[in-house]
Every structure is written in structure tokens, then in C-alpha cells.
Amino acid sequence: VFVNKDLLGGEFHELFIAPLIRDARRMEGVVRYLQGIDWAMVDGFAQRHAEIQAKTLLVWGQEDQIFPLARAMPMVGQLKHCVGLKAIAGAALLPHEEKPAETLDHVLPFLVD
């Protein structure tokens, strides 16, 4: 989730990890969600992406091992109005949490354009 493992503690732990540890029902819900992923739907994302009409910017953690950057690159061509893919160095799955300033450097100009 993070390149900087120190970020797993503190607020992130309290908001996302601790509730799963404290409540077996919540943990079961997450497991059931993951087991219920519709892989046919996931495999159809390229087609769904082609239907999106909104201007799009992809912001990605360069060190994301869950959704590697190489897997994001084809999406640029799938989205009709994609203005680019911005990779955030030193970030993984949650670049907005790990590198908020760098993420904003890309997102704000996109939003005001």
C-alpha cells in the first residue's frame, strides 16, 4: 500500500486497519468483497474505458505493486479524453496519501484547466 511503511501506523491504522482487527464482521465483509470480484467485468474495463466521455488524468504510484504502472499505461489510449498519466515517485497504491503535495502538483492544474 505504501513505499514508506511508517505510514501504516497512526491515522491510517486507526481508520482502516484497526476497525478490521476489532470487528470480525468487518473483516469478513472485506474478504467476501474480494472473493466476489467479477473478473469478467474487470476483463471488460478496456471497453468500459472507451465509453467514458469525461476528460481524464491518471495519477499513479510509480512503485505500486498491486496495480503496477505498466498496467496503467494502456489505459491512456483506452480513455478518449485522457490528458496523460502522471507517475508519483516514491509512492505505491495510495499516492494521494503518501505524496499529497506531488499528487496535487498534477491534479490542481488538471482541475482548473
C-alpha atoms as a PDB file:
ATOM      1  CA  VAL A   1       0.000   0.000   0.000  1.00  0.00           C
ATOM      2  CA  PHE A   2       2.848   2.382   0.897  1.00  0.00           C
ATOM      3  CA  VAL A   3       6.511   2.620  -0.014  1.00  0.00           C
ATOM      4  CA  ASN A   4       7.059   4.352   3.336  1.00  0.00           C
ATOM      5  CA  LYS A   5       5.941   1.656   5.794  1.00  0.00           C
ATOM      6  CA  ASP A   6       5.870   4.213   8.642  1.00  0.00           C
ATOM      7  CA  LEU A   7       2.600   5.464   7.132  1.00  0.00           C
ATOM      8  CA  LEU A   8       0.873   2.182   8.038  1.00  0.00           C
ATOM      9  CA  GLY A   9       0.627   3.398  11.632  1.00  0.00           C
ATOM     10  CA  GLY A  10      -1.105   6.444  13.025  1.00  0.00           C
ATOM     11  CA  GLU A  11      -4.186   7.733  11.277  1.00  0.00           C
ATOM     12  CA  PHE A  12      -4.133   5.113   8.500  1.00  0.00           C
ATOM     13  CA  HIS A  13      -4.021   2.311  11.061  1.00  0.00           C
ATOM     14  CA  GLU A  14      -6.816   3.827  13.122  1.00  0.00           C
ATOM     15  CA  LEU A  15      -9.103   4.486  10.167  1.00  0.00           C
ATOM     16  CA  PHE A  16      -8.514   1.422   8.008  1.00  0.00           C
ATOM     17  CA  ILE A  17      -6.672  -1.383   9.811  1.00  0.00           C
ATOM     18  CA  ALA A  18      -7.865  -1.221  13.425  1.00  0.00           C
ATOM     19  CA  PRO A  19     -11.589  -1.479  12.541  1.00  0.00           C
ATOM     20  CA  LEU A  20     -10.880  -4.744  10.695  1.00  0.00           C
ATOM     21  CA  ILE A  21      -8.891  -6.125  13.607  1.00  0.00           C
ATOM     22  CA  ARG A  22     -11.525  -5.100  16.179  1.00  0.00           C
ATOM     23  CA  ASP A  23     -14.581  -6.346  14.289  1.00  0.00           C
ATOM     24  CA  ALA A  24     -14.638  -9.828  12.737  1.00  0.00           C
ATOM     25  CA  ARG A  25     -17.794  -8.902  10.830  1.00  0.00           C
ATOM     26  CA  ARG A  26     -15.961  -6.086   9.030  1.00  0.00           C
ATOM     27  CA  MET A  27     -13.046  -8.359   8.200  1.00  0.00           C
ATOM     28  CA  GLU A  28     -15.458 -10.974   6.871  1.00  0.00           C
ATOM     29  CA  GLY A  29     -17.101  -8.292   4.727  1.00  0.00           C
ATOM     30  CA  VAL A  30     -13.773  -7.320   3.166  1.00  0.00           C
ATOM     31  CA  VAL A  31     -12.920 -10.954   2.465  1.00  0.00           C
ATOM     32  CA  ARG A  32     -16.349 -11.552   0.907  1.00  0.00           C
ATOM     33  CA  TYR A  33     -15.953  -8.417  -1.215  1.00  0.00           C
ATOM     34  CA  LEU A  34     -12.586  -9.618  -2.537  1.00  0.00           C
ATOM     35  CA  GLN A  35     -13.933 -13.105  -3.201  1.00  0.00           C
ATOM     36  CA  GLY A  36     -16.862 -11.620  -5.099  1.00  0.00           C
ATOM     37  CA  ILE A  37     -14.856  -9.691  -7.671  1.00  0.00           C
ATOM     38  CA  ASP A  38     -16.389 -10.203 -11.096  1.00  0.00           C
ATOM     39  CA  TRP A  39     -13.314 -10.941 -13.209  1.00  0.00           C
ATOM     40  CA  ALA A  40     -15.331 -10.823 -16.442  1.00  0.00           C
ATOM     41  CA  MET A  41     -16.193  -7.230 -15.578  1.00  0.00           C
ATOM     42  CA  VAL A  42     -12.541  -6.463 -14.828  1.00  0.00           C
ATOM     43  CA  ASP A  43     -11.522  -8.009 -18.149  1.00  0.00           C
ATOM     44  CA  GLY A  44     -14.035  -5.696 -19.863  1.00  0.00           C
ATOM     45  CA  PHE A  45     -12.572  -2.471 -18.474  1.00  0.00           C
ATOM     46  CA  ALA A  46     -10.942  -1.537 -21.798  1.00  0.00           C
ATOM     47  CA  GLN A  47     -14.384  -1.450 -23.397  1.00  0.00           C
ATOM     48  CA  ARG A  48     -15.863   0.484 -20.469  1.00  0.00           C
ATOM     49  CA  HIS A  49     -12.975   2.962 -20.579  1.00  0.00           C
ATOM     50  CA  ALA A  50     -13.754   3.686 -24.241  1.00  0.00           C
ATOM     51  CA  GLU A  51     -17.256   4.759 -23.206  1.00  0.00           C
ATOM     52  CA  ILE A  52     -16.073   7.425 -20.744  1.00  0.00           C
ATOM     53  CA  GLN A  53     -16.621  10.898 -22.173  1.00  0.00           C
ATOM     54  CA  ALA A  54     -15.079  12.943 -19.353  1.00  0.00           C
ATOM     55  CA  LYS A  55     -11.620  14.456 -19.532  1.00  0.00           C
ATOM     56  CA  THR A  56      -9.376  12.158 -17.514  1.00  0.00           C
ATOM     57  CA  LEU A  57      -5.990  12.295 -15.817  1.00  0.00           C
ATOM     58  CA  LEU A  58      -4.409   9.154 -14.390  1.00  0.00           C
ATOM     59  CA  VAL A  59      -2.261   9.670 -11.285  1.00  0.00           C
ATOM     60  CA  TRP A  60      -0.347   6.554 -10.284  1.00  0.00           C
ATOM     61  CA  GLY A  61       2.126   5.477  -7.638  1.00  0.00           C
ATOM     62  CA  GLN A  62       5.312   4.612  -9.521  1.00  0.00           C
ATOM     63  CA  GLU A  63       6.097   1.780  -7.074  1.00  0.00           C
ATOM     64  CA  ASP A  64       2.561   0.371  -6.930  1.00  0.00           C
ATOM     65  CA  GLN A  65       2.869  -3.422  -6.802  1.00  0.00           C
ATOM     66  CA  ILE A  66      -0.882  -4.070  -6.598  1.00  0.00           C
ATOM     67  CA  PHE A  67      -1.688  -2.170  -9.810  1.00  0.00           C
ATOM     68  CA  PRO A  68       1.717  -1.782 -11.494  1.00  0.00           C
ATOM     69  CA  LEU A  69       2.397   1.315 -13.579  1.00  0.00           C
ATOM     70  CA  ALA A  70       2.947  -0.834 -16.674  1.00  0.00           C
ATOM     71  CA  ARG A  71      -0.685  -1.989 -16.387  1.00  0.00           C
ATOM     72  CA  ALA A  72      -1.878   1.624 -16.276  1.00  0.00           C
ATOM     73  CA  MET A  73      -0.124   2.741 -19.447  1.00  0.00           C
ATOM     74  CA  PRO A  74      -2.555   1.058 -21.881  1.00  0.00           C
ATOM     75  CA  MET A  75      -5.449   2.887 -20.205  1.00  0.00           C
ATOM     76  CA  VAL A  76      -4.188   6.207 -21.587  1.00  0.00           C
ATOM     77  CA  GLY A  77      -5.158   5.034 -25.073  1.00  0.00           C
ATOM     78  CA  GLN A  78      -8.417   3.477 -23.910  1.00  0.00           C
ATOM     79  CA  LEU A  79      -9.799   6.718 -22.448  1.00  0.00           C
ATOM     80  CA  LYS A  80     -10.966   9.034 -25.251  1.00  0.00           C
ATOM     81  CA  HIS A  81     -10.151  12.245 -23.439  1.00  0.00           C
ATOM     82  CA  CYS A  82      -7.180  11.210 -21.322  1.00  0.00           C
ATOM     83  CA  VAL A  83      -4.701  14.055 -20.875  1.00  0.00           C
ATOM     84  CA  GLY A  84      -1.979  11.787 -19.554  1.00  0.00           C
ATOM     85  CA  LEU A  85      -0.562   9.533 -16.910  1.00  0.00           C
ATOM     86  CA  LYS A  86       1.431  11.070 -14.067  1.00  0.00           C
ATOM     87  CA  ALA A  87       3.607   8.710 -12.047  1.00  0.00           C
ATOM     88  CA  ILE A  88       4.406   9.747  -8.490  1.00  0.00           C
ATOM     89  CA  ALA A  89       7.897   8.619  -7.490  1.00  0.00           C
ATOM     90  CA  GLY A  90       8.215   7.088  -4.036  1.00  0.00           C
ATOM     91  CA  ALA A  91       4.510   6.213  -3.877  1.00  0.00           C
ATOM     92  CA  ALA A  92       2.561   2.980  -4.218  1.00  0.00           C
ATOM     93  CA  LEU A  93      -1.195   2.254  -4.214  1.00  0.00           C
ATOM     94  CA  LEU A  94      -2.260   5.463  -2.462  1.00  0.00           C
ATOM     95  CA  PRO A  95      -0.146   8.300  -3.905  1.00  0.00           C
ATOM     96  CA  HIS A  96      -2.597  10.914  -2.613  1.00  0.00           C
ATOM     97  CA  GLU A  97      -1.929   9.666   0.938  1.00  0.00           C
ATOM     98  CA  GLU A  98       1.788   9.023   0.580  1.00  0.00           C
ATOM     99  CA  LYS A  99       2.800  12.016  -1.541  1.00  0.00           C
ATOM    100  CA  PRO A 100      -0.070  14.534  -1.295  1.00  0.00           C
ATOM    101  CA  ALA A 101       1.916  17.581  -2.425  1.00  0.00           C
ATOM    102  CA  GLU A 102       3.256  15.840  -5.523  1.00  0.00           C
ATOM    103  CA  THR A 103      -0.200  14.492  -6.314  1.00  0.00           C
ATOM    104  CA  LEU A 104      -1.694  17.985  -6.040  1.00  0.00           C
ATOM    105  CA  ASP A 105       1.011  19.331  -8.363  1.00  0.00           C
ATOM    106  CA  HIS A 106      -0.628  17.244 -11.095  1.00  0.00           C
ATOM    107  CA  VAL A 107      -4.276  17.283 -10.056  1.00  0.00           C
ATOM    108  CA  LEU A 108      -4.792  21.013  -9.478  1.00  0.00           C
ATOM    109  CA  PRO A 109      -3.734  22.137 -12.979  1.00  0.00           C
ATOM    110  CA  PHE A 110      -5.941  19.398 -14.427  1.00  0.00           C
ATOM    111  CA  LEU A 111      -8.929  20.590 -12.402  1.00  0.00           C
ATOM    112  CA  VAL A 112      -8.550  24.283 -13.286  1.00  0.00           C
ATOM    113  CA  ASP A 113      -7.877  23.681 -16.986  1.00  0.00           C
END
